[in-house]
C-alpha atoms as a PDB file:
ATOM      1  CA  MET A   1       0.097   0.159  -0.203  1.00  0.00           C
ATOM      2  CA  LYS A   2       3.017   2.593   0.524  1.00  0.00           C
ATOM      3  CA  ASP A   3       4.380   1.912  -2.479  1.00  0.00           C
ATOM      4  CA  VAL A   4       0.844   2.372  -4.430  1.00  0.00           C
ATOM      5  CA  ALA A   5       0.517   5.943  -1.983  1.00  0.00           C
ATOM      6  CA  LYS A   6       4.101   6.790  -3.520  1.00  0.00           C
ATOM      7  CA  GLU A   7       3.598   6.051  -6.887  1.00  0.00           C
ATOM      8  CA  ALA A   8       0.099   8.442  -6.500  1.00  0.00           C
ATOM      9  CA  ASN A   9       1.514  10.906  -4.454  1.00  0.00           C
ATOM     10  CA  VAL A  10      -0.825  10.642  -2.063  1.00  0.00           C
ATOM     11  CA  ALA A  11      -1.115   9.482   1.691  1.00  0.00           C
ATOM     12  CA  THR A  12      -1.371   5.462   2.809  1.00  0.00           C
ATOM     13  CA  SER A  13      -4.671   6.691   4.668  1.00  0.00           C
ATOM     14  CA  THR A  14      -5.920   7.459   1.009  1.00  0.00           C
ATOM     15  CA  VAL A  15      -5.302   4.838  -0.508  1.00  0.00           C
ATOM     16  CA  SER A  16      -7.089   2.712   2.450  1.00  0.00           C
ATOM     17  CA  ARG A  17      -9.899   4.813   1.607  1.00  0.00           C
ATOM     18  CA  VAL A  18     -10.383   4.674  -2.045  1.00  0.00           C
ATOM     19  CA  ILE A  19      -9.842   0.942  -1.624  1.00  0.00           C
ATOM     20  CA  ARG A  20     -12.958   0.975   1.053  1.00  0.00           C
ATOM     21  CA  ASN A  21     -14.867   2.946  -1.963  1.00  0.00           C
ATOM     22  CA  ASN A  22     -15.025   6.032   0.846  1.00  0.00           C
ATOM     23  CA  ALA A  23     -17.132   8.237  -0.856  1.00  0.00           C
ATOM     24  CA  LYS A  24     -15.396  11.467   0.490  1.00  0.00           C
ATOM     25  CA  ILE A  25     -12.603  11.017  -1.913  1.00  0.00           C
ATOM     26  CA  SER A  26     -13.071  12.673  -5.041  1.00  0.00           C
ATOM     27  CA  GLU A  27     -13.242  10.657  -8.299  1.00  0.00           C
ATOM     28  CA  ALA A  28      -9.853  12.357  -9.976  1.00  0.00           C
ATOM     29  CA  THR A  29      -8.160  10.832  -6.913  1.00  0.00           C
ATOM     30  CA  SER A  30      -9.621   7.687  -7.071  1.00  0.00           C
ATOM     31  CA  ASN A  31      -8.470   7.639 -10.337  1.00  0.00           C
ATOM     32  CA  LYS A  32      -5.151   8.436 -10.062  1.00  0.00           C
ATOM     33  CA  VAL A  33      -4.843   6.008  -6.410  1.00  0.00           C
ATOM     34  CA  LYS A  34      -6.883   2.981  -8.838  1.00  0.00           C
ATOM     35  CA  ALA A  35      -4.462   3.742 -11.729  1.00  0.00           C
ATOM     36  CA  ALA A  36      -1.116   3.786  -9.355  1.00  0.00           C
ATOM     37  CA  MET A  37      -2.851  -0.117  -8.228  1.00  0.00           C
ATOM     38  CA  SER A  38      -3.302  -1.628 -11.928  1.00  0.00           C
ATOM     39  CA  LYS A  39       0.233   0.248 -12.731  1.00  0.00           C
ATOM     40  CA  LEU A  40       1.880  -1.418  -9.702  1.00  0.00           C
ATOM     41  CA  GLY A  41       0.051  -4.983  -9.651  1.00  0.00           C
ATOM     42  CA  TYR A  42      -1.724  -4.517  -6.351  1.00  0.00           C
ATOM     43  CA  ILE A  43      -4.552  -6.010  -5.526  1.00  0.00           C
ATOM     44  CA  PRO A  44      -6.139  -4.969  -1.660  1.00  0.00           C
ATOM     45  CA  ASN A  45      -6.271  -8.486   0.848  1.00  0.00           C
ATOM     46  CA  GLN A  46      -9.789  -8.782   1.448  1.00  0.00           C
ATOM     47  CA  ALA A  47      -8.896 -11.204   4.547  1.00  0.00           C
ATOM     48  CA  ALA A  48      -6.748  -8.659   5.886  1.00  0.00           C
ATOM     49  CA  ARG A  49      -9.434  -5.703   5.307  1.00  0.00           C
ATOM     50  CA  THR A  50     -12.239  -7.713   7.265  1.00  0.00           C
ATOM     51  CA  LEU A  51     -10.212  -8.421  10.015  1.00  0.00           C
ATOM     52  CA  ILE A  52      -9.534  -4.616  10.420  1.00  0.00           C
ATOM     53  CA  THR A  53     -12.435  -3.198   9.614  1.00  0.00           C
ATOM     54  CA  ASN A  54     -15.260  -6.277  10.708  1.00  0.00           C
ATOM     55  CA  LYS A  55     -16.610  -6.163   7.192  1.00  0.00           C
ATOM     56  CA  THR A  56     -17.064  -8.819   4.683  1.00  0.00           C
ATOM     57  CA  MET A  57     -17.479  -5.903   2.355  1.00  0.00           C
ATOM     58  CA  THR A  58     -20.338  -9.491   1.271  1.00  0.00           C
ATOM     59  CA  ILE A  59     -24.136  -8.623   0.254  1.00  0.00           C
ATOM     60  CA  GLY A  60     -25.966 -12.070   1.095  1.00  0.00           C
ATOM     61  CA  LEU A  61     -28.795 -12.666  -1.540  1.00  0.00           C
ATOM     62  CA  ILE A  62     -31.179 -14.662  -0.371  1.00  0.00           C
ATOM     63  CA  GLN A  63     -33.497 -16.434  -2.888  1.00  0.00           C
ATOM     64  CA  LYS A  64     -37.072 -18.472  -1.866  1.00  0.00           C
ATOM     65  CA  SER A  65     -35.055 -21.785  -3.451  1.00  0.00           C
ATOM     66  CA  SER A  66     -32.637 -23.157  -5.693  1.00  0.00           C
ATOM     67  CA  THR A  67     -34.344 -25.794  -7.181  1.00  0.00           C
ATOM     68  CA  PRO A  68     -33.856 -25.741 -11.350  1.00  0.00           C
ATOM     69  CA  GLU A  69     -36.831 -23.850 -11.368  1.00  0.00           C
ATOM     70  CA  ILE A  70     -36.044 -20.976  -9.670  1.00  0.00           C
ATOM     71  CA  ARG A  71     -31.966 -21.064 -10.698  1.00  0.00           C
ATOM     72  CA  GLN A  72     -33.371 -20.571 -14.594  1.00  0.00           C
ATOM     73  CA  ASN A  73     -35.408 -18.158 -13.661  1.00  0.00           C
ATOM     74  CA  PRO A  74     -34.234 -14.874 -16.257  1.00  0.00           C
ATOM     75  CA  PHE A  75     -36.313 -12.677 -13.800  1.00  0.00           C
ATOM     76  CA  ASN A  76     -33.519 -14.133 -11.018  1.00  0.00           C
ATOM     77  CA  SER A  77     -30.686 -13.788 -13.561  1.00  0.00           C
ATOM     78  CA  ASP A  78     -31.413 -10.397 -14.842  1.00  0.00           C
ATOM     79  CA  VAL A  79     -31.977  -9.289 -11.096  1.00  0.00           C
ATOM     80  CA  LEU A  80     -28.869 -11.021 -10.285  1.00  0.00           C
ATOM     81  CA  ASN A  81     -27.142  -9.228 -12.980  1.00  0.00           C
ATOM     82  CA  GLY A  82     -28.270  -5.771 -11.241  1.00  0.00           C
ATOM     83  CA  ILE A  83     -27.379  -6.626  -8.285  1.00  0.00           C
ATOM     84  CA  ASN A  84     -24.139  -7.561  -9.035  1.00  0.00           C
ATOM     85  CA  GLN A  85     -23.389  -4.262 -11.212  1.00  0.00           C
ATOM     86  CA  ALA A  86     -23.866  -2.018  -8.620  1.00  0.00           C
ATOM     87  CA  CYS A  87     -21.571  -4.524  -5.871  1.00  0.00           C
ATOM     88  CA  ASN A  88     -18.906  -4.643  -8.237  1.00  0.00           C
ATOM     89  CA  VAL A  89     -18.659  -1.205  -9.218  1.00  0.00           C
ATOM     90  CA  ARG A  90     -18.718  -0.491  -5.720  1.00  0.00           C
ATOM     91  CA  GLY A  91     -16.130  -2.852  -4.531  1.00  0.00           C
ATOM     92  CA  TYR A  92     -18.894  -5.259  -2.655  1.00  0.00           C
ATOM     93  CA  SER A  93     -18.879  -8.864  -3.683  1.00  0.00           C
ATOM     94  CA  THR A  94     -21.853 -11.171  -3.069  1.00  0.00           C
ATOM     95  CA  ARG A  95     -23.215 -15.096  -1.904  1.00  0.00           C
ATOM     96  CA  MET A  96     -25.805 -16.249  -2.932  1.00  0.00           C
ATOM     97  CA  THR A  97     -28.145 -18.729  -1.088  1.00  0.00           C
ATOM     98  CA  VAL A  98     -28.288 -22.476  -2.325  1.00  0.00           C
ATOM     99  CA  SER A  99     -30.748 -24.462  -0.125  1.00  0.00           C
ATOM    100  CA  GLU A 100     -33.964 -25.969  -2.393  1.00  0.00           C
ATOM    101  CA  ASN A 101     -36.323 -26.305   0.612  1.00  0.00           C
ATOM    102  CA  SER A 102     -37.409 -23.343   3.800  1.00  0.00           C
ATOM    103  CA  ARG A 103     -35.930 -25.898   6.339  1.00  0.00           C
ATOM    104  CA  ASP A 104     -32.176 -25.645   5.095  1.00  0.00           C
ATOM    105  CA  LEU A 105     -32.694 -21.990   3.820  1.00  0.00           C
ATOM    106  CA  TYR A 106     -33.420 -21.183   7.261  1.00  0.00           C
ATOM    107  CA  HIS A 107     -30.732 -22.702   8.629  1.00  0.00           C
ATOM    108  CA  GLU A 108     -28.418 -21.248   5.671  1.00  0.00           C
ATOM    109  CA  VAL A 109     -29.309 -17.990   6.974  1.00  0.00           C
ATOM    110  CA  LYS A 110     -28.985 -18.348  10.253  1.00  0.00           C
ATOM    111  CA  THR A 111     -25.335 -19.557   9.809  1.00  0.00           C
ATOM    112  CA  MET A 112     -24.737 -16.594   7.520  1.00  0.00           C
ATOM    113  CA  ILE A 113     -25.804 -14.063  10.205  1.00  0.00           C
ATOM    114  CA  GLN A 114     -23.993 -15.638  12.754  1.00  0.00           C
ATOM    115  CA  SER A 115     -21.260 -16.218  11.406  1.00  0.00           C
ATOM    116  CA  LYS A 116     -21.092 -12.704   9.798  1.00  0.00           C
ATOM    117  CA  SER A 117     -20.735 -13.802   6.495  1.00  0.00           C
ATOM    118  CA  ALA A 118     -22.074 -11.052   5.170  1.00  0.00           C
ATOM    119  CA  ASP A 119     -22.678  -7.218   6.051  1.00  0.00           C
ATOM    120  CA  GLY A 120     -26.567  -6.900   4.704  1.00  0.00           C
ATOM    121  CA  PHE A 121     -28.648  -8.082   2.640  1.00  0.00           C
ATOM    122  CA  ILE A 122     -31.366  -8.711  -0.343  1.00  0.00           C
ATOM    123  CA  LEU A 123     -34.736 -10.460   0.206  1.00  0.00           C
ATOM    124  CA  LEU A 124     -35.347 -11.831  -3.589  1.00  0.00           C
ATOM    125  CA  TYR A 125     -39.042 -12.584  -2.859  1.00  0.00           C
ATOM    126  CA  SER A 126     -41.578 -11.447  -0.999  1.00  0.00           C
ATOM    127  CA  LEU A 127     -43.969 -13.680   1.453  1.00  0.00           C
ATOM    128  CA  LYS A 128     -45.786 -13.030   4.239  1.00  0.00           C
ATOM    129  CA  ASP A 129     -45.145 -14.122   7.901  1.00  0.00           C
ATOM    130  CA  ASP A 130     -41.694 -15.414   6.486  1.00  0.00           C
ATOM    131  CA  PRO A 131     -39.533 -17.139   8.564  1.00  0.00           C
ATOM    132  CA  ILE A 132     -36.561 -15.825   6.872  1.00  0.00           C
ATOM    133  CA  GLU A 133     -37.530 -12.321   7.185  1.00  0.00           C
ATOM    134  CA  HIS A 134     -38.270 -12.713  10.829  1.00  0.00           C
ATOM    135  CA  LEU A 135     -34.601 -13.839  11.696  1.00  0.00           C
ATOM    136  CA  LEU A 136     -33.112 -11.244   9.535  1.00  0.00           C
ATOM    137  CA  TYR A 137     -35.318  -8.886  11.502  1.00  0.00           C
ATOM    138  CA  GLU A 138     -35.046 -10.128  15.034  1.00  0.00           C
ATOM    139  CA  PHE A 139     -30.980 -10.537  14.390  1.00  0.00           C
ATOM    140  CA  LYS A 140     -31.240  -7.004  13.679  1.00  0.00           C
ATOM    141  CA  VAL A 141     -29.582  -7.265  10.199  1.00  0.00           C
ATOM    142  CA  PRO A 142     -29.371  -4.728   7.591  1.00  0.00           C
ATOM    143  CA  TYR A 143     -31.769  -5.950   4.823  1.00  0.00           C
ATOM    144  CA  LEU A 144     -34.482  -5.003   1.738  1.00  0.00           C
ATOM    145  CA  ILE A 145     -36.783  -6.734   0.026  1.00  0.00           C
ATOM    146  CA  ILE A 146     -37.345  -6.999  -3.673  1.00  0.00           C
ATOM    147  CA  GLY A 147     -41.084  -7.167  -3.654  1.00  0.00           C
ATOM    148  CA  LYS A 148     -43.839  -6.160  -1.100  1.00  0.00           C
ATOM    149  CA  SER A 149     -43.204  -5.220   2.504  1.00  0.00           C
ATOM    150  CA  LEU A 150     -45.275  -7.327   4.322  1.00  0.00           C
ATOM    151  CA  ASN A 151     -44.300  -8.259   7.752  1.00  0.00           C
ATOM    152  CA  TYR A 152     -42.958  -4.921   9.523  1.00  0.00           C
ATOM    153  CA  GLU A 153     -42.764  -1.465   8.992  1.00  0.00           C
ATOM    154  CA  ASN A 154     -40.319   1.097   7.319  1.00  0.00           C
ATOM    155  CA  ILE A 155     -38.252  -1.926   5.745  1.00  0.00           C
ATOM    156  CA  ILE A 156     -37.189  -0.723   2.587  1.00  0.00           C
ATOM    157  CA  HIS A 157     -38.399  -2.250  -0.624  1.00  0.00           C
ATOM    158  CA  ILE A 158     -37.850  -2.340  -4.472  1.00  0.00           C
ATOM    159  CA  ASP A 159     -40.927  -3.336  -6.496  1.00  0.00           C
ATOM    160  CA  ASN A 160     -42.935  -2.834  -9.649  1.00  0.00           C
ATOM    161  CA  ASN A 161     -46.583  -1.994  -8.777  1.00  0.00           C
ATOM    162  CA  ASN A 162     -47.570  -5.684 -10.068  1.00  0.00           C
ATOM    163  CA  ILE A 163     -51.358  -5.147  -9.353  1.00  0.00           C
ATOM    164  CA  ASP A 164     -51.781  -2.328 -12.232  1.00  0.00           C
ATOM    165  CA  ALA A 165     -49.519  -4.078 -14.205  1.00  0.00           C
ATOM    166  CA  ALA A 166     -52.197  -6.804 -14.126  1.00  0.00           C
ATOM    167  CA  TYR A 167     -54.791  -4.242 -14.768  1.00  0.00           C
ATOM    168  CA  GLN A 168     -53.134  -2.506 -17.923  1.00  0.00           C
ATOM    169  CA  LEU A 169     -52.391  -5.715 -19.261  1.00  0.00           C
ATOM    170  CA  THR A 170     -55.981  -6.982 -18.761  1.00  0.00           C
ATOM    171  CA  GLN A 171     -56.825  -3.680 -20.280  1.00  0.00           C
ATOM    172  CA  TYR A 172     -55.183  -3.718 -23.397  1.00  0.00           C
ATOM    173  CA  LEU A 173     -56.583  -7.385 -24.008  1.00  0.00           C
ATOM    174  CA  TYR A 174     -60.141  -6.286 -23.273  1.00  0.00           C
ATOM    175  CA  HIS A 175     -59.520  -3.652 -26.324  1.00  0.00           C
ATOM    176  CA  LEU A 176     -58.286  -6.220 -28.384  1.00  0.00           C
ATOM    177  CA  GLY A 177     -61.516  -7.355 -28.250  1.00  0.00           C
ATOM    178  CA  HIS A 178     -61.120 -10.419 -25.695  1.00  0.00           C
ATOM    179  CA  ARG A 179     -64.041 -11.007 -23.248  1.00  0.00           C
ATOM    180  CA  HIS A 180     -62.658 -14.899 -22.188  1.00  0.00           C
ATOM    181  CA  ILE A 181     -59.945 -14.471 -20.916  1.00  0.00           C
ATOM    182  CA  LEU A 182     -57.937 -17.187 -17.914  1.00  0.00           C
ATOM    183  CA  PHE A 183     -55.920 -16.575 -15.628  1.00  0.00           C
ATOM    184  CA  LEU A 184     -53.396 -19.413 -14.667  1.00  0.00           C
ATOM    185  CA  GLN A 185     -51.199 -18.143 -11.180  1.00  0.00           C
ATOM    186  CA  GLU A 186     -47.931 -20.188  -9.773  1.00  0.00           C
ATOM    187  CA  SER A 187     -48.917 -22.062  -6.037  1.00  0.00           C
ATOM    188  CA  GLY A 188     -47.696 -20.735  -3.684  1.00  0.00           C
ATOM    189  CA  HIS A 189     -48.675 -17.166  -1.393  1.00  0.00           C
ATOM    190  CA  TYR A 190     -45.673 -15.057  -3.087  1.00  0.00           C
ATOM    191  CA  ALA A 191     -46.624 -11.240  -3.049  1.00  0.00           C
ATOM    192  CA  VAL A 192     -46.465 -10.609  -6.787  1.00  0.00           C
ATOM    193  CA  THR A 193     -48.541 -13.475  -8.057  1.00  0.00           C
ATOM    194  CA  GLU A 194     -51.230 -12.973  -5.601  1.00  0.00           C
ATOM    195  CA  ASP A 195     -50.459  -8.900  -6.998  1.00  0.00           C
ATOM    196  CA  ARG A 196     -50.963  -9.696 -10.344  1.00  0.00           C
ATOM    197  CA  THR A 197     -54.445 -11.890  -9.240  1.00  0.00           C
ATOM    198  CA  VAL A 198     -56.027  -9.485  -7.781  1.00  0.00           C
ATOM    199  CA  GLY A 199     -55.051  -6.637 -10.968  1.00  0.00           C
ATOM    200  CA  PHE A 200     -56.439  -8.914 -13.058  1.00  0.00           C
ATOM    201  CA  LYS A 201     -59.538  -9.226 -11.205  1.00  0.00           C
ATOM    202  CA  GLN A 202     -59.622  -5.713 -10.158  1.00  0.00           C
ATOM    203  CA  TYR A 203     -60.169  -4.542 -14.315  1.00  0.00           C
ATOM    204  CA  CYS A 204     -62.417  -7.603 -14.681  1.00  0.00           C
ATOM    205  CA  ASP A 205     -64.551  -6.794 -12.547  1.00  0.00           C
ATOM    206  CA  ASN A 206     -64.577  -2.959 -13.506  1.00  0.00           C
ATOM    207  CA  VAL A 207     -66.276  -3.870 -16.909  1.00  0.00           C
ATOM    208  CA  LYS A 208     -68.326  -6.954 -15.713  1.00  0.00           C
ATOM    209  CA  LEU A 209     -66.513  -9.386 -17.275  1.00  0.00           C
ATOM    210  CA  SER A 210     -66.622 -12.931 -15.760  1.00  0.00           C
ATOM    211  CA  ASN A 211     -63.097 -14.257 -15.099  1.00  0.00           C
ATOM    212  CA  ASP A 212     -61.316 -17.577 -14.300  1.00  0.00           C
ATOM    213  CA  CYS A 213     -58.191 -17.725 -11.791  1.00  0.00           C
ATOM    214  CA  ILE A 214     -56.552 -21.271 -12.007  1.00  0.00           C
ATOM    215  CA  VAL A 215     -53.861 -22.343 -10.027  1.00  0.00           C
ATOM    216  CA  ILE A 216     -51.312 -24.199 -11.157  1.00  0.00           C
ATOM    217  CA  LYS A 217     -49.043 -26.755  -9.293  1.00  0.00           C
ATOM    218  CA  SER A 218     -48.389 -29.177 -11.065  1.00  0.00           C
ATOM    219  CA  MET A 219     -47.773 -30.152 -15.591  1.00  0.00           C
ATOM    220  CA  ASN A 220     -50.848 -32.356 -14.644  1.00  0.00           C
ATOM    221  CA  ASP A 221     -52.550 -29.582 -13.242  1.00  0.00           C
ATOM    222  CA  LEU A 222     -51.911 -27.585 -16.025  1.00  0.00           C
ATOM    223  CA  ARG A 223     -52.634 -30.350 -18.908  1.00  0.00           C
ATOM    224  CA  ASP A 224     -56.049 -30.712 -16.791  1.00  0.00           C
ATOM    225  CA  CYS A 225     -56.893 -27.325 -17.208  1.00  0.00           C
ATOM    226  CA  ILE A 226     -56.169 -27.347 -20.165  1.00  0.00           C
ATOM    227  CA  LYS A 227     -58.588 -29.960 -20.776  1.00  0.00           C
ATOM    228  CA  GLN A 228     -60.807 -28.557 -19.143  1.00  0.00           C
ATOM    229  CA  TYR A 229     -61.105 -24.918 -20.909  1.00  0.00           C
ATOM    230  CA  CYS A 230     -60.027 -25.482 -23.733  1.00  0.00           C
ATOM    231  CA  ILE A 231     -60.823 -28.480 -25.327  1.00  0.00           C
ATOM    232  CA  ASP A 232     -63.794 -29.589 -23.352  1.00  0.00           C
ATOM    233  CA  ALA A 233     -65.658 -26.367 -22.697  1.00  0.00           C
ATOM    234  CA  SER A 234     -68.639 -25.027 -24.740  1.00  0.00           C
ATOM    235  CA  HIS A 235     -67.137 -21.800 -24.163  1.00  0.00           C
ATOM    236  CA  THR A 236     -63.446 -21.480 -24.430  1.00  0.00           C
ATOM    237  CA  PRO A 237     -61.318 -18.368 -23.659  1.00  0.00           C
ATOM    238  CA  SER A 238     -59.791 -16.324 -26.866  1.00  0.00           C
ATOM    239  CA  VAL A 239     -56.412 -15.691 -24.082  1.00  0.00           C
ATOM    240  CA  ILE A 240     -54.791 -16.917 -21.387  1.00  0.00           C
ATOM    241  CA  ILE A 241     -52.693 -15.015 -19.220  1.00  0.00           C
ATOM    242  CA  THR A 242     -49.612 -16.783 -17.362  1.00  0.00           C
ATOM    243  CA  SER A 243     -48.177 -15.002 -13.948  1.00  0.00           C
ATOM    244  CA  ASP A 244     -44.920 -15.871 -14.731  1.00  0.00           C
ATOM    245  CA  ALA A 245     -42.746 -16.578 -17.585  1.00  0.00           C
ATOM    246  CA  MET A 246     -41.953 -20.202 -16.849  1.00  0.00           C
ATOM    247  CA  LEU A 247     -45.380 -21.134 -16.414  1.00  0.00           C
ATOM    248  CA  ASN A 248     -45.882 -19.390 -19.880  1.00  0.00           C
ATOM    249  CA  MET A 249     -43.532 -21.798 -21.478  1.00  0.00           C
ATOM    250  CA  GLN A 250     -44.819 -24.851 -19.637  1.00  0.00           C
ATOM    251  CA  LEU A 251     -48.175 -23.830 -21.182  1.00  0.00           C
ATOM    252  CA  LEU A 252     -46.595 -23.317 -24.684  1.00  0.00           C
ATOM    253  CA  ASN A 253     -45.256 -26.794 -23.996  1.00  0.00           C
ATOM    254  CA  VAL A 254     -48.847 -28.000 -23.357  1.00  0.00           C
ATOM    255  CA  LEU A 255     -51.124 -26.178 -25.855  1.00  0.00           C
ATOM    256  CA  TYR A 256     -48.429 -27.607 -28.144  1.00  0.00           C
ATOM    257  CA  GLU A 257     -49.255 -31.028 -27.048  1.00  0.00           C
ATOM    258  CA  TYR A 258     -53.199 -30.717 -27.549  1.00  0.00           C
ATOM    259  CA  GLN A 259     -52.639 -28.813 -31.041  1.00  0.00           C
ATOM    260  CA  LEU A 260     -53.420 -25.704 -30.004  1.00  0.00           C
ATOM    261  CA  ARG A 261     -51.834 -22.676 -32.197  1.00  0.00           C
ATOM    262  CA  ILE A 262     -51.177 -19.455 -31.114  1.00  0.00           C
ATOM    263  CA  PRO A 263     -52.436 -16.817 -31.670  1.00  0.00           C
ATOM    264  CA  GLU A 264     -55.109 -18.848 -34.402  1.00  0.00           C
ATOM    265  CA  ASP A 265     -57.149 -20.497 -31.863  1.00  0.00           C
ATOM    266  CA  VAL A 266     -56.045 -19.292 -28.465  1.00  0.00           C
ATOM    267  CA  GLN A 267     -53.675 -16.194 -27.744  1.00  0.00           C
ATOM    268  CA  THR A 268     -51.633 -15.842 -24.765  1.00  0.00           C
ATOM    269  CA  ALA A 269     -49.492 -13.162 -22.439  1.00  0.00           C
ATOM    270  CA  THR A 270     -47.401 -13.119 -19.657  1.00  0.00           C
ATOM    271  CA  PHE A 271     -45.242 -11.210 -17.341  1.00  0.00           C
ATOM    272  CA  ASN A 272     -41.193 -10.360 -17.327  1.00  0.00           C
ATOM    273  CA  THR A 273     -40.046  -9.690 -21.115  1.00  0.00           C
ATOM    274  CA  SER A 274     -36.971 -12.012 -21.515  1.00  0.00           C
ATOM    275  CA  PHE A 275     -34.991 -13.983 -23.897  1.00  0.00           C
ATOM    276  CA  LEU A 276     -37.548 -16.776 -23.747  1.00  0.00           C
ATOM    277  CA  THR A 277     -40.384 -14.410 -24.655  1.00  0.00           C
ATOM    278  CA  GLU A 278     -38.953 -12.862 -27.312  1.00  0.00           C
ATOM    279  CA  ASN A 279     -38.126 -15.947 -28.888  1.00  0.00           C
ATOM    280  CA  ALA A 280     -40.595 -18.445 -28.083  1.00  0.00           C
ATOM    281  CA  THR A 281     -42.412 -20.184 -30.847  1.00  0.00           C
ATOM    282  CA  PRO A 282     -44.511 -17.560 -31.335  1.00  0.00           C
ATOM    283  CA  SER A 283     -43.216 -14.332 -29.474  1.00  0.00           C
ATOM    284  CA  GLN A 284     -44.983 -13.443 -26.702  1.00  0.00           C
ATOM    285  CA  THR A 285     -46.138 -10.777 -25.601  1.00  0.00           C
ATOM    286  CA  SER A 286     -45.547  -9.661 -21.966  1.00  0.00           C
ATOM    287  CA  VAL A 287     -45.239  -7.051 -19.542  1.00  0.00           C
ATOM    288  CA  ASN A 288     -41.195  -5.979 -19.122  1.00  0.00           C
ATOM    289  CA  ILE A 289     -40.978  -5.393 -15.268  1.00  0.00           C
ATOM    290  CA  ASN A 290     -37.531  -4.025 -15.706  1.00  0.00           C
ATOM    291  CA  PRO A 291     -35.786  -6.811 -13.477  1.00  0.00           C
ATOM    292  CA  ASP A 292     -32.303  -5.379 -13.929  1.00  0.00           C
ATOM    293  CA  VAL A 293     -33.221  -1.757 -12.698  1.00  0.00           C
ATOM    294  CA  LEU A 294     -35.143  -3.745 -10.117  1.00  0.00           C
ATOM    295  CA  GLY A 295     -31.842  -5.482  -8.921  1.00  0.00           C
ATOM    296  CA  LEU A 296     -29.499  -2.443 -10.135  1.00  0.00           C
ATOM    297  CA  THR A 297     -31.599  -0.251  -7.778  1.00  0.00           C
ATOM    298  CA  ALA A 298     -31.312  -2.752  -4.775  1.00  0.00           C
ATOM    299  CA  GLY A 299     -27.436  -3.575  -5.009  1.00  0.00           C
ATOM    300  CA  ASN A 300     -27.253   0.608  -4.917  1.00  0.00           C
ATOM    301  CA  THR A 301     -30.008   0.692  -2.181  1.00  0.00           C
ATOM    302  CA  ILE A 302     -28.147  -2.208   0.467  1.00  0.00           C
ATOM    303  CA  ILE A 303     -24.510  -0.668   0.414  1.00  0.00           C
ATOM    304  CA  ASP A 304     -26.103   2.846   1.002  1.00  0.00           C
ATOM    305  CA  VAL A 305     -27.817   1.760   4.095  1.00  0.00           C
ATOM    306  CA  LEU A 306     -24.150   0.053   5.075  1.00  0.00           C
ATOM    307  CA  ARG A 307     -22.696   3.023   4.773  1.00  0.00           C
ATOM    308  CA  ASN A 308     -25.319   4.857   7.000  1.00  0.00           C
ATOM    309  CA  GLU A 309     -25.987   7.389   3.853  1.00  0.00           C
ATOM    310  CA  THR A 310     -29.470   9.187   4.226  1.00  0.00           C
ATOM    311  CA  ILE A 311     -32.446   7.075   2.220  1.00  0.00           C
ATOM    312  CA  SER A 312     -35.192   9.562   1.181  1.00  0.00           C
ATOM    313  CA  PHE A 313     -37.429   6.039   0.514  1.00  0.00           C
ATOM    314  CA  ARG A 314     -38.954   3.208   2.325  1.00  0.00           C
ATOM    315  CA  GLU A 315     -40.505   1.903  -1.270  1.00  0.00           C
ATOM    316  CA  LYS A 316     -39.841   2.052  -4.954  1.00  0.00           C
ATOM    317  CA  LEU A 317     -41.514   1.620  -7.493  1.00  0.00           C
ATOM    318  CA  ILE A 318     -39.638   0.531 -10.917  1.00  0.00           C
ATOM    319  CA  SER A 319     -42.065   1.315 -14.070  1.00  0.00           C
ATOM    320  CA  THR A 320     -43.323  -1.756 -16.452  1.00  0.00           C
ATOM    321  CA  GLN A 321     -44.184  -1.512 -19.954  1.00  0.00           C
ATOM    322  CA  ILE A 322     -46.299  -3.984 -22.220  1.00  0.00           C
ATOM    323  CA  ILE A 323     -44.031  -5.328 -24.983  1.00  0.00           C
ATOM    324  CA  GLU A 324     -46.299  -6.765 -27.729  1.00  0.00           C
ATOM    325  CA  ARG A 325     -45.229  -9.460 -29.918  1.00  0.00           C
ATOM    326  CA  VAL A 326     -46.830 -12.165 -31.884  1.00  0.00           C
ATOM    327  CA  SER A 327     -48.919 -13.856 -29.720  1.00  0.00           C
ATOM    328  CA  THR A 328     -52.029 -11.396 -29.294  1.00  0.00           C
ATOM    329  CA  THR A 329     -53.828  -9.542 -31.550  1.00  0.00           C
ATOM    330  CA  LYS A 330     -57.497  -8.156 -32.619  1.00  0.00           C
ATOM    331  CA  ILE A 331     -60.041 -10.198 -32.270  1.00  0.00           C
END
């Protein structure tokens, strides 16, 4: 560190502050020190810094499960990309939970807290009476939520207005001429799914439109549902909304099995625009919820919390947009 300070013509304490990303250091000084570090090949010793500062410079990321369905969901990968962008720029690393069930997740997070493996946490989901959030709250660990704050007051949360997003999507389909809309939702009592269901029902009620909301727990459930509503029924839905892009992918498979064409026989729409929705056959109309912006905002905010910077909000809503593609058309 002394060599870096000499090369940059600054005090060693200034080098230390640059390494810690101290906000009081000017950009010019920071760039000069970083250039000296690069020239000399100096890499800060994270272990030593942890011993001195009692800070890990690590953000714990808690996902509701690490099953393949969760890991491969484009929403999660996009959110994580945004979080990691924020952390990388500001000198933090991340550590993700890997447990596949709620019991193991509880013990994993408790161990991370007690071993001080992370300075703060981001909950990547929102659940009423969540034992994981209770754990964070009881241990007084800094954390925020991507989603709604359901259990405690004054918890910082970054979210979309999912009720309004579903309302707008249903309105868009209604204006295309759809009068029989089927809504398929994931199982589990997660706030994002429940809010999208509420938004769908609100618009249907406003225009006096009958609606069907079906909870899908498995592929067999999905096959039975499509058989009941799209094959056996005399009055079939003209469009099917799925509460999530992964459920949408499963729906496309089932519709293909039953030889139902999109959009000729039935139309489809979903949430979370991604590579999958854009490149599905056919491409899927979807609500862009900007997960990368959710992640970037959450990453920067938790770091601001850890640095005791003033946070001017308790809730920040990220905007959404409907992306119209081949799977929906005017009827």
